[in-house]
Amino acid sequence: RMTFSGGGLPGNKQRQAGFEMLGVGIYTIVTELLVIAGIWKILMKCGEKGWYAIIPGLRYYKLGACNGKERDGLRCLFLEIIVRIMSFFDTEGDIRTPTELVISQLVLVGAILLFIFEIRVIFGVLRTFNMKKKWAFLWALIPWIVTPIIGFSSRFQPVNLGKFKEEGLKGGLTPAN
């Protein structure tokens, strides 16, 4: 005999769905904490305050400021704020009005732009730490592994903090005074 409770799922199925949601929640919290810890240490290596890593948009702004990609970091900051605010109004697939459709599309476009600018900041971080570009793919795919490796490993140290832009440096034969 099958008994139903609450949302229409059989008792065992409902309990199983609850455990799955709990597992996803724990996984999300653990991976986010690993990313925060890794970026915290990366920022500290670059001479910034580590607590900037706690705030999602601010972390990429500060990473960008460390490596000459400050404008891209600033774009990440603003896009993160906009996407998070607009996500509150997103209906998550249950679109009933043209306004909801526009909001969903704007959230998607904002998330794509945010990802692009985050990748640009990541390339700057990798350049700062004199690392190969293939790390950007790994950072985008598994940031909870890559950021702690860069942050906690003594093997990776910043070699160029991006305080000077390469295009502004001019070489010549006359020594500087």
N, C-alpha and C. Protein backbone atom coordinates (compact mmCIF):
# COMPACT_ATOMS: atom_id res chain seq x y z
N ARG A 1 0.85 -1.18 0.00
CA ARG A 1 0.00 0.00 0.00
C ARG A 1 0.89 1.24 0.00
N MET A 2 0.60 2.23 -0.84
CA MET A 2 1.39 3.44 -0.99
C MET A 2 0.73 4.58 -0.24
N THR A 3 1.50 5.26 0.60
CA THR A 3 0.95 6.43 1.30
C THR A 3 1.59 7.68 0.73
N PHE A 4 0.77 8.69 0.59
CA PHE A 4 1.26 9.96 0.06
C PHE A 4 1.20 11.01 1.16
N SER A 5 2.18 11.91 1.10
CA SER A 5 2.19 13.01 2.07
C SER A 5 2.65 14.28 1.39
N GLY A 6 2.15 15.37 1.84
CA GLY A 6 2.62 16.68 1.40
C GLY A 6 2.47 16.93 -0.07
N GLY A 7 3.61 17.01 -0.78
CA GLY A 7 3.66 17.44 -2.17
C GLY A 7 3.28 16.38 -3.18
N GLY A 8 2.73 15.25 -2.75
CA GLY A 8 2.30 14.27 -3.71
C GLY A 8 3.32 13.17 -3.95
N LEU A 9 4.49 13.25 -3.37
CA LEU A 9 5.48 12.19 -3.53
C LEU A 9 5.23 11.12 -2.47
N PRO A 10 5.46 9.86 -2.81
CA PRO A 10 5.39 8.84 -1.77
C PRO A 10 6.38 9.16 -0.65
N GLY A 11 6.08 8.70 0.57
CA GLY A 11 6.88 9.03 1.75
C GLY A 11 8.38 8.83 1.56
N ASN A 12 8.80 7.66 1.06
CA ASN A 12 10.23 7.39 0.87
C ASN A 12 10.85 8.30 -0.19
N LYS A 13 10.13 8.54 -1.26
CA LYS A 13 10.63 9.41 -2.33
C LYS A 13 10.81 10.84 -1.83
N GLN A 14 9.87 11.30 -1.02
CA GLN A 14 9.96 12.64 -0.47
C GLN A 14 11.17 12.76 0.44
N ARG A 15 11.40 11.76 1.27
CA ARG A 15 12.55 11.75 2.17
C ARG A 15 13.85 11.71 1.36
N GLN A 16 13.87 10.89 0.30
CA GLN A 16 15.05 10.79 -0.55
C GLN A 16 15.34 12.12 -1.22
N ALA A 17 14.30 12.79 -1.72
CA ALA A 17 14.49 14.11 -2.34
C ALA A 17 15.03 15.10 -1.32
N GLY A 18 14.58 15.01 -0.08
CA GLY A 18 15.10 15.90 0.97
C GLY A 18 16.57 15.66 1.24
N PHE A 19 16.98 14.38 1.27
CA PHE A 19 18.39 14.06 1.48
C PHE A 19 19.24 14.53 0.31
N GLU A 20 18.71 14.40 -0.92
CA GLU A 20 19.44 14.86 -2.10
C GLU A 20 19.64 16.37 -2.04
N MET A 21 18.59 17.10 -1.64
CA MET A 21 18.71 18.56 -1.53
C MET A 21 19.71 18.94 -0.45
N LEU A 22 19.71 18.21 0.65
CA LEU A 22 20.67 18.45 1.72
C LEU A 22 22.09 18.20 1.23
N GLY A 23 22.27 17.13 0.47
CA GLY A 23 23.59 16.82 -0.09
C GLY A 23 24.07 17.90 -1.04
N VAL A 24 23.19 18.39 -1.90
CA VAL A 24 23.55 19.47 -2.82
C VAL A 24 23.90 20.74 -2.04
N GLY A 25 23.14 21.02 -0.99
CA GLY A 25 23.41 22.20 -0.17
C GLY A 25 24.76 22.12 0.51
N ILE A 26 25.08 20.97 1.08
CA ILE A 26 26.38 20.79 1.74
C ILE A 26 27.51 20.91 0.73
N TYR A 27 27.34 20.28 -0.43
CA TYR A 27 28.34 20.36 -1.50
C TYR A 27 28.58 21.81 -1.92
N THR A 28 27.50 22.57 -2.09
CA THR A 28 27.62 23.98 -2.48
C THR A 28 28.36 24.79 -1.43
N ILE A 29 28.03 24.58 -0.17
CA ILE A 29 28.69 25.32 0.91
C ILE A 29 30.17 24.98 0.99
N VAL A 30 30.51 23.69 0.90
CA VAL A 30 31.91 23.27 0.99
C VAL A 30 32.72 23.82 -0.18
N THR A 31 32.17 23.72 -1.40
CA THR A 31 32.93 24.22 -2.56
C THR A 31 33.09 25.74 -2.49
N GLU A 32 32.07 26.46 -2.06
CA GLU A 32 32.18 27.92 -1.94
C GLU A 32 33.21 28.29 -0.88
N LEU A 33 33.24 27.56 0.23
CA LEU A 33 34.25 27.84 1.27
C LEU A 33 35.67 27.57 0.76
N LEU A 34 35.84 26.54 -0.05
CA LEU A 34 37.16 26.28 -0.63
C LEU A 34 37.59 27.39 -1.59
N VAL A 35 36.64 27.88 -2.40
CA VAL A 35 36.95 28.99 -3.32
C VAL A 35 37.31 30.24 -2.52
N ILE A 36 36.53 30.53 -1.49
CA ILE A 36 36.80 31.71 -0.65
C ILE A 36 38.19 31.59 -0.01
N ALA A 37 38.51 30.43 0.53
CA ALA A 37 39.82 30.23 1.18
C ALA A 37 40.95 30.41 0.18
N GLY A 38 40.79 29.83 -1.01
CA GLY A 38 41.83 29.96 -2.04
C GLY A 38 42.02 31.39 -2.50
N ILE A 39 40.93 32.08 -2.79
CA ILE A 39 41.04 33.48 -3.24
C ILE A 39 41.54 34.37 -2.11
N TRP A 40 41.16 34.07 -0.87
CA TRP A 40 41.66 34.81 0.30
C TRP A 40 43.19 34.78 0.30
N LYS A 41 43.76 33.58 0.13
CA LYS A 41 45.22 33.44 0.14
C LYS A 41 45.86 34.08 -1.09
N ILE A 42 45.20 33.99 -2.24
CA ILE A 42 45.73 34.64 -3.45
C ILE A 42 45.79 36.15 -3.23
N LEU A 43 44.72 36.72 -2.69
CA LEU A 43 44.69 38.17 -2.43
C LEU A 43 45.78 38.56 -1.43
N MET A 44 45.98 37.75 -0.42
CA MET A 44 47.02 38.06 0.57
C MET A 44 48.41 38.00 -0.07
N LYS A 45 48.64 37.06 -0.97
CA LYS A 45 49.92 36.99 -1.68
C LYS A 45 50.15 38.24 -2.52
N CYS A 46 49.05 38.83 -2.99
CA CYS A 46 49.14 40.03 -3.83
C CYS A 46 49.14 41.31 -3.00
N GLY A 47 49.14 41.20 -1.69
CA GLY A 47 49.20 42.38 -0.83
C GLY A 47 47.85 43.02 -0.54
N GLU A 48 46.77 42.31 -0.82
CA GLU A 48 45.43 42.81 -0.54
C GLU A 48 44.89 42.14 0.72
N LYS A 49 43.81 42.68 1.25
CA LYS A 49 43.16 42.07 2.41
C LYS A 49 42.40 40.83 1.95
N GLY A 50 42.57 39.75 2.67
CA GLY A 50 41.96 38.50 2.29
C GLY A 50 40.46 38.47 2.38
N TRP A 51 39.88 39.25 3.30
CA TRP A 51 38.42 39.19 3.50
C TRP A 51 37.64 39.66 2.28
N TYR A 52 38.30 40.31 1.31
CA TYR A 52 37.60 40.69 0.08
C TYR A 52 37.06 39.45 -0.64
N ALA A 53 37.66 38.29 -0.39
CA ALA A 53 37.23 37.06 -1.05
C ALA A 53 35.84 36.62 -0.62
N ILE A 54 35.38 37.09 0.51
CA ILE A 54 34.07 36.68 1.03
C ILE A 54 32.94 37.26 0.18
N ILE A 55 33.13 38.45 -0.36
CA ILE A 55 32.07 39.14 -1.10
C ILE A 55 32.22 38.80 -2.58
N PRO A 56 31.23 38.08 -3.17
CA PRO A 56 31.39 37.53 -4.52
C PRO A 56 31.84 38.52 -5.59
N GLY A 57 31.22 39.65 -5.76
CA GLY A 57 31.63 40.59 -6.81
C GLY A 57 32.94 41.27 -6.49
N LEU A 58 33.14 41.56 -5.23
CA LEU A 58 34.33 42.28 -4.80
C LEU A 58 35.59 41.45 -4.97
N ARG A 59 35.46 40.13 -4.87
CA ARG A 59 36.64 39.27 -4.99
C ARG A 59 37.28 39.41 -6.37
N TYR A 60 36.48 39.48 -7.42
CA TYR A 60 37.05 39.60 -8.76
C TYR A 60 37.53 41.02 -9.03
N TYR A 61 36.91 42.01 -8.41
CA TYR A 61 37.40 43.38 -8.55
C TYR A 61 38.80 43.48 -7.96
N LYS A 62 38.99 42.93 -6.76
CA LYS A 62 40.30 43.00 -6.11
C LYS A 62 41.33 42.14 -6.82
N LEU A 63 40.93 40.98 -7.33
CA LEU A 63 41.85 40.17 -8.13
C LEU A 63 42.28 40.93 -9.37
N GLY A 64 41.33 41.63 -10.00
CA GLY A 64 41.65 42.43 -11.18
C GLY A 64 42.58 43.58 -10.85
N ALA A 65 42.38 44.18 -9.68
CA ALA A 65 43.25 45.30 -9.27
C ALA A 65 44.68 44.82 -9.03
N CYS A 66 44.85 43.56 -8.68
CA CYS A 66 46.19 43.01 -8.43
C CYS A 66 46.97 42.77 -9.71
N ASN A 67 46.29 42.69 -10.84
CA ASN A 67 47.00 42.26 -12.05
C ASN A 67 46.75 43.12 -13.28
N GLY A 68 46.36 44.37 -13.08
CA GLY A 68 46.18 45.26 -14.21
C GLY A 68 44.87 45.07 -14.95
N LYS A 69 43.95 44.30 -14.42
CA LYS A 69 42.63 44.08 -15.03
C LYS A 69 41.54 44.71 -14.16
N GLU A 70 41.84 45.88 -13.63
CA GLU A 70 40.92 46.53 -12.70
C GLU A 70 39.58 46.86 -13.36
N ARG A 71 39.61 47.27 -14.62
CA ARG A 71 38.35 47.60 -15.30
C ARG A 71 37.48 46.36 -15.48
N ASP A 72 38.11 45.24 -15.82
CA ASP A 72 37.34 43.99 -15.93
C ASP A 72 36.82 43.56 -14.57
N GLY A 73 37.62 43.76 -13.53
CA GLY A 73 37.17 43.44 -12.17
C GLY A 73 36.00 44.31 -11.76
N LEU A 74 36.03 45.58 -12.14
CA LEU A 74 34.93 46.49 -11.83
C LEU A 74 33.66 46.05 -12.57
N ARG A 75 33.82 45.62 -13.80
CA ARG A 75 32.67 45.10 -14.56
C ARG A 75 32.10 43.86 -13.87
N CYS A 76 32.98 42.99 -13.37
CA CYS A 76 32.51 41.81 -12.63
C CYS A 76 31.70 42.23 -11.41
N LEU A 77 32.20 43.23 -10.70
CA LEU A 77 31.51 43.70 -9.50
C LEU A 77 30.10 44.17 -9.84
N PHE A 78 29.96 45.03 -10.83
CA PHE A 78 28.65 45.56 -11.19
C PHE A 78 27.74 44.48 -11.78
N LEU A 79 28.28 43.62 -12.64
CA LEU A 79 27.46 42.55 -13.21
C LEU A 79 26.99 41.57 -12.14
N GLU A 80 27.85 41.28 -11.18
CA GLU A 80 27.46 40.38 -10.08
C GLU A 80 26.28 40.96 -9.31
N ILE A 81 26.35 42.25 -9.02
CA ILE A 81 25.25 42.92 -8.30
C ILE A 81 23.97 42.89 -9.13
N ILE A 82 24.09 43.26 -10.40
CA ILE A 82 22.91 43.32 -11.27
C ILE A 82 22.29 41.93 -11.44
N VAL A 83 23.12 40.92 -11.71
CA VAL A 83 22.59 39.57 -11.91
C VAL A 83 21.92 39.05 -10.64
N ARG A 84 22.52 39.29 -9.48
CA ARG A 84 21.92 38.81 -8.24
C ARG A 84 20.60 39.52 -7.94
N ILE A 85 20.53 40.82 -8.18
CA ILE A 85 19.28 41.55 -7.95
C ILE A 85 18.20 41.06 -8.93
N MET A 86 18.56 40.94 -10.20
CA MET A 86 17.57 40.52 -11.20
C MET A 86 17.15 39.07 -11.00
N SER A 87 18.03 38.25 -10.41
CA SER A 87 17.67 36.85 -10.17
C SER A 87 16.52 36.73 -9.18
N PHE A 88 16.37 37.71 -8.29
CA PHE A 88 15.24 37.68 -7.36
C PHE A 88 13.91 37.78 -8.11
N PHE A 89 13.93 38.44 -9.26
CA PHE A 89 12.70 38.62 -10.03
C PHE A 89 12.53 37.58 -11.12
N ASP A 90 13.54 36.72 -11.29
CA ASP A 90 13.48 35.68 -12.31
C ASP A 90 12.52 34.58 -11.84
N THR A 91 11.73 34.06 -12.77
CA THR A 91 10.70 33.07 -12.42
C THR A 91 11.19 31.64 -12.56
N GLU A 92 12.44 31.44 -12.95
CA GLU A 92 13.05 30.12 -13.07
C GLU A 92 12.23 29.18 -13.96
N GLY A 93 11.93 29.63 -15.16
CA GLY A 93 11.27 28.78 -16.14
C GLY A 93 9.77 28.90 -16.22
N ASP A 94 9.13 29.48 -15.22
CA ASP A 94 7.68 29.63 -15.23
C ASP A 94 7.33 31.02 -15.74
N ILE A 95 7.54 31.25 -17.03
CA ILE A 95 7.37 32.56 -17.64
C ILE A 95 5.92 32.72 -18.08
N ARG A 96 5.28 33.79 -17.57
CA ARG A 96 3.87 34.01 -17.90
C ARG A 96 3.62 35.34 -18.59
N THR A 97 4.54 36.29 -18.41
CA THR A 97 4.33 37.61 -19.02
C THR A 97 5.57 38.00 -19.81
N PRO A 98 5.43 38.95 -20.74
CA PRO A 98 6.61 39.43 -21.48
C PRO A 98 7.69 40.03 -20.56
N THR A 99 7.28 40.64 -19.46
CA THR A 99 8.25 41.22 -18.52
C THR A 99 9.10 40.12 -17.91
N GLU A 100 8.48 38.99 -17.54
CA GLU A 100 9.23 37.87 -16.98
C GLU A 100 10.20 37.29 -18.00
N LEU A 101 9.81 37.27 -19.27
CA LEU A 101 10.68 36.79 -20.34
C LEU A 101 11.90 37.70 -20.48
N VAL A 102 11.69 39.00 -20.45
CA VAL A 102 12.79 39.96 -20.56
C VAL A 102 13.73 39.82 -19.37
N ILE A 103 13.18 39.69 -18.18
CA ILE A 103 14.02 39.54 -16.98
C ILE A 103 14.87 38.28 -17.09
N SER A 104 14.26 37.17 -17.52
CA SER A 104 15.01 35.92 -17.66
C SER A 104 16.13 36.06 -18.68
N GLN A 105 15.86 36.72 -19.78
CA GLN A 105 16.88 36.91 -20.81
C GLN A 105 17.99 37.83 -20.30
N LEU A 106 17.64 38.88 -19.57
CA LEU A 106 18.66 39.78 -19.03
C LEU A 106 19.55 39.08 -18.00
N VAL A 107 18.96 38.23 -17.18
CA VAL A 107 19.76 37.46 -16.22
C VAL A 107 20.73 36.55 -16.96
N LEU A 108 20.26 35.89 -18.02
CA LEU A 108 21.12 35.01 -18.80
C LEU A 108 22.26 35.79 -19.46
N VAL A 109 21.94 36.91 -20.10
CA VAL A 109 22.97 37.73 -20.75
C VAL A 109 23.96 38.26 -19.71
N GLY A 110 23.44 38.72 -18.58
CA GLY A 110 24.32 39.21 -17.51
C GLY A 110 25.24 38.13 -17.00
N ALA A 111 24.74 36.92 -16.83
CA ALA A 111 25.56 35.81 -16.34
C ALA A 111 26.64 35.44 -17.35
N ILE A 112 26.31 35.48 -18.63
CA ILE A 112 27.31 35.20 -19.67
C ILE A 112 28.39 36.27 -19.68
N LEU A 113 27.98 37.54 -19.62
CA LEU A 113 28.97 38.63 -19.58
C LEU A 113 29.83 38.54 -18.33
N LEU A 114 29.22 38.22 -17.20
CA LEU A 114 29.97 38.07 -15.96
C LEU A 114 31.02 36.97 -16.11
N PHE A 115 30.65 35.86 -16.70
CA PHE A 115 31.59 34.76 -16.91
C PHE A 115 32.76 35.20 -17.80
N ILE A 116 32.46 35.94 -18.86
CA ILE A 116 33.52 36.42 -19.77
C ILE A 116 34.49 37.32 -19.03
N PHE A 117 33.99 38.28 -18.24
CA PHE A 117 34.88 39.19 -17.53
C PHE A 117 35.63 38.48 -16.40
N GLU A 118 35.00 37.49 -15.78
CA GLU A 118 35.71 36.70 -14.77
C GLU A 118 36.88 35.96 -15.41
N ILE A 119 36.67 35.40 -16.59
CA ILE A 119 37.75 34.70 -17.30
C ILE A 119 38.88 35.67 -17.62
N ARG A 120 38.55 36.90 -18.01
CA ARG A 120 39.59 37.89 -18.30
C ARG A 120 40.40 38.21 -17.05
N VAL A 121 39.73 38.32 -15.91
CA VAL A 121 40.43 38.56 -14.64
C VAL A 121 41.30 37.34 -14.29
N ILE A 122 40.76 36.16 -14.51
CA ILE A 122 41.51 34.93 -14.23
C ILE A 122 42.79 34.87 -15.07
N PHE A 123 42.69 35.23 -16.36
CA PHE A 123 43.89 35.28 -17.20
C PHE A 123 44.92 36.24 -16.61
N GLY A 124 44.46 37.37 -16.09
CA GLY A 124 45.38 38.32 -15.45
C GLY A 124 46.04 37.74 -14.21
N VAL A 125 45.26 37.02 -13.41
CA VAL A 125 45.83 36.38 -12.21
C VAL A 125 46.88 35.36 -12.63
N LEU A 126 46.57 34.57 -13.63
CA LEU A 126 47.53 33.56 -14.09
C LEU A 126 48.80 34.21 -14.62
N ARG A 127 48.66 35.33 -15.32
CA ARG A 127 49.84 36.05 -15.80
C ARG A 127 50.64 36.59 -14.62
N THR A 128 49.95 37.09 -13.60
CA THR A 128 50.62 37.61 -12.41
C THR A 128 51.44 36.52 -11.72
N PHE A 129 50.91 35.31 -11.70
CA PHE A 129 51.59 34.20 -11.05
C PHE A 129 52.45 33.39 -12.02
N ASN A 130 52.61 33.90 -13.25
CA ASN A 130 53.45 33.27 -14.27
C ASN A 130 53.03 31.82 -14.52
N MET A 131 51.72 31.63 -14.68
CA MET A 131 51.16 30.29 -14.90
C MET A 131 50.64 30.18 -16.33
N LYS A 132 50.53 28.96 -16.80
CA LYS A 132 50.05 28.72 -18.16
C LYS A 132 48.54 28.98 -18.25
N LYS A 133 48.10 29.32 -19.46
CA LYS A 133 46.69 29.67 -19.67
C LYS A 133 45.75 28.49 -19.50
N LYS A 134 46.24 27.27 -19.57
CA LYS A 134 45.37 26.10 -19.39
C LYS A 134 44.76 26.08 -18.00
N TRP A 135 45.38 26.76 -17.05
CA TRP A 135 44.83 26.84 -15.70
C TRP A 135 43.50 27.58 -15.69
N ALA A 136 43.28 28.49 -16.66
CA ALA A 136 42.02 29.23 -16.72
C ALA A 136 40.85 28.27 -16.97
N PHE A 137 41.06 27.30 -17.83
CA PHE A 137 40.02 26.30 -18.08
C PHE A 137 39.71 25.53 -16.81
N LEU A 138 40.77 25.12 -16.09
CA LEU A 138 40.56 24.39 -14.83
C LEU A 138 39.89 25.28 -13.79
N TRP A 139 40.30 26.55 -13.71
CA TRP A 139 39.69 27.48 -12.74
C TRP A 139 38.20 27.63 -13.02
N ALA A 140 37.84 27.76 -14.30
CA ALA A 140 36.42 27.91 -14.65
C ALA A 140 35.63 26.64 -14.37
N LEU A 141 36.27 25.48 -14.54
CA LEU A 141 35.60 24.21 -14.38
C LEU A 141 35.54 23.74 -12.92
N ILE A 142 36.65 23.85 -12.21
CA ILE A 142 36.74 23.36 -10.83
C ILE A 142 37.46 24.38 -9.94
N PRO A 143 36.84 25.54 -9.71
CA PRO A 143 37.53 26.59 -8.94
C PRO A 143 37.82 26.19 -7.50
N TRP A 144 37.02 25.28 -6.93
CA TRP A 144 37.23 24.87 -5.55
C TRP A 144 38.51 24.04 -5.38
N ILE A 145 39.09 23.58 -6.48
CA ILE A 145 40.37 22.88 -6.42
C ILE A 145 41.52 23.81 -6.82
N VAL A 146 41.32 24.58 -7.87
CA VAL A 146 42.40 25.42 -8.42
C VAL A 146 42.76 26.58 -7.49
N THR A 147 41.76 27.29 -6.97
CA THR A 147 42.10 28.46 -6.14
C THR A 147 42.86 28.08 -4.87
N PRO A 148 42.50 27.00 -4.15
CA PRO A 148 43.35 26.63 -3.01
C PRO A 148 44.76 26.20 -3.42
N ILE A 149 44.90 25.56 -4.59
CA ILE A 149 46.24 25.17 -5.05
C ILE A 149 47.10 26.41 -5.23
N ILE A 150 46.57 27.42 -5.93
CA ILE A 150 47.33 28.65 -6.16
C ILE A 150 47.54 29.40 -4.85
N GLY A 151 46.50 29.48 -4.05
CA GLY A 151 46.57 30.27 -2.83
C GLY A 151 47.46 29.68 -1.75
N PHE A 152 47.39 28.38 -1.55
CA PHE A 152 48.11 27.77 -0.43
C PHE A 152 49.49 27.22 -0.81
N SER A 153 49.75 27.02 -2.08
CA SER A 153 51.03 26.47 -2.49
C SER A 153 52.12 27.54 -2.49
N SER A 154 53.24 27.22 -1.89
CA SER A 154 54.37 28.17 -1.90
C SER A 154 55.03 28.20 -3.28
N ARG A 155 54.71 27.23 -4.12
CA ARG A 155 55.27 27.18 -5.47
C ARG A 155 54.77 28.33 -6.34
N PHE A 156 53.56 28.82 -6.06
CA PHE A 156 52.98 29.88 -6.86
C PHE A 156 53.07 31.21 -6.11
N GLN A 157 53.92 32.09 -6.61
CA GLN A 157 54.10 33.42 -6.02
C GLN A 157 53.91 34.46 -7.11
N PRO A 158 53.35 35.61 -6.77
CA PRO A 158 53.16 36.65 -7.80
C PRO A 158 54.51 37.19 -8.26
N VAL A 159 54.66 37.30 -9.59
CA VAL A 159 55.90 37.84 -10.15
C VAL A 159 55.69 39.24 -10.72
N ASN A 160 54.46 39.58 -11.02
CA ASN A 160 54.15 40.90 -11.56
C ASN A 160 52.77 41.26 -11.05
N LEU A 161 52.70 42.22 -10.14
CA LEU A 161 51.42 42.57 -9.54
C LEU A 161 50.59 43.52 -10.40
N GLY A 162 51.01 43.76 -11.63
CA GLY A 162 50.19 44.54 -12.54
C GLY A 162 50.08 46.00 -12.18
N LYS A 163 50.98 46.49 -11.35
CA LYS A 163 50.93 47.90 -10.97
C LYS A 163 51.34 48.78 -12.15
N PHE A 164 52.09 48.21 -13.09
CA PHE A 164 52.51 48.93 -14.28
C PHE A 164 51.99 48.19 -15.50
N LYS A 165 51.41 48.90 -16.40
CA LYS A 165 50.91 48.28 -17.62
C LYS A 165 52.07 48.19 -18.62
N GLU A 166 52.16 47.05 -19.32
CA GLU A 166 53.26 46.85 -20.26
C GLU A 166 53.29 47.90 -21.36
N GLU A 167 52.10 48.31 -21.83
CA GLU A 167 52.06 49.26 -22.93
C GLU A 167 52.57 50.64 -22.51
N GLY A 168 52.60 50.91 -21.22
CA GLY A 168 53.09 52.20 -20.75
C GLY A 168 54.59 52.24 -20.56
N LEU A 169 55.23 51.07 -20.59
CA LEU A 169 56.67 51.02 -20.41
C LEU A 169 57.35 51.16 -21.76
N LYS A 170 58.33 52.03 -21.82
CA LYS A 170 59.04 52.26 -23.08
C LYS A 170 60.53 51.98 -22.83
N GLY A 171 61.09 51.24 -23.73
CA GLY A 171 62.53 50.96 -23.63
C GLY A 171 63.31 51.96 -24.48
N GLY A 172 64.53 52.19 -24.13
CA GLY A 172 65.35 53.09 -24.92
C GLY A 172 66.81 52.92 -24.55
N LEU A 173 67.65 53.70 -25.19
CA LEU A 173 69.07 53.61 -24.95
C LEU A 173 69.54 54.58 -23.87
N THR A 174 68.73 55.60 -23.58
CA THR A 174 69.12 56.61 -22.59
C THR A 174 68.66 56.16 -21.22
N PRO A 175 69.58 56.14 -20.23
CA PRO A 175 69.17 55.74 -18.87
C PRO A 175 68.21 56.76 -18.28
N ALA A 176 67.34 56.27 -17.43
CA ALA A 176 66.39 57.16 -16.73
C ALA A 176 67.11 57.91 -15.63
N ASN A 177 66.66 59.13 -15.35
CA ASN A 177 67.27 59.93 -14.27
C ASN A 177 66.63 59.65 -12.96
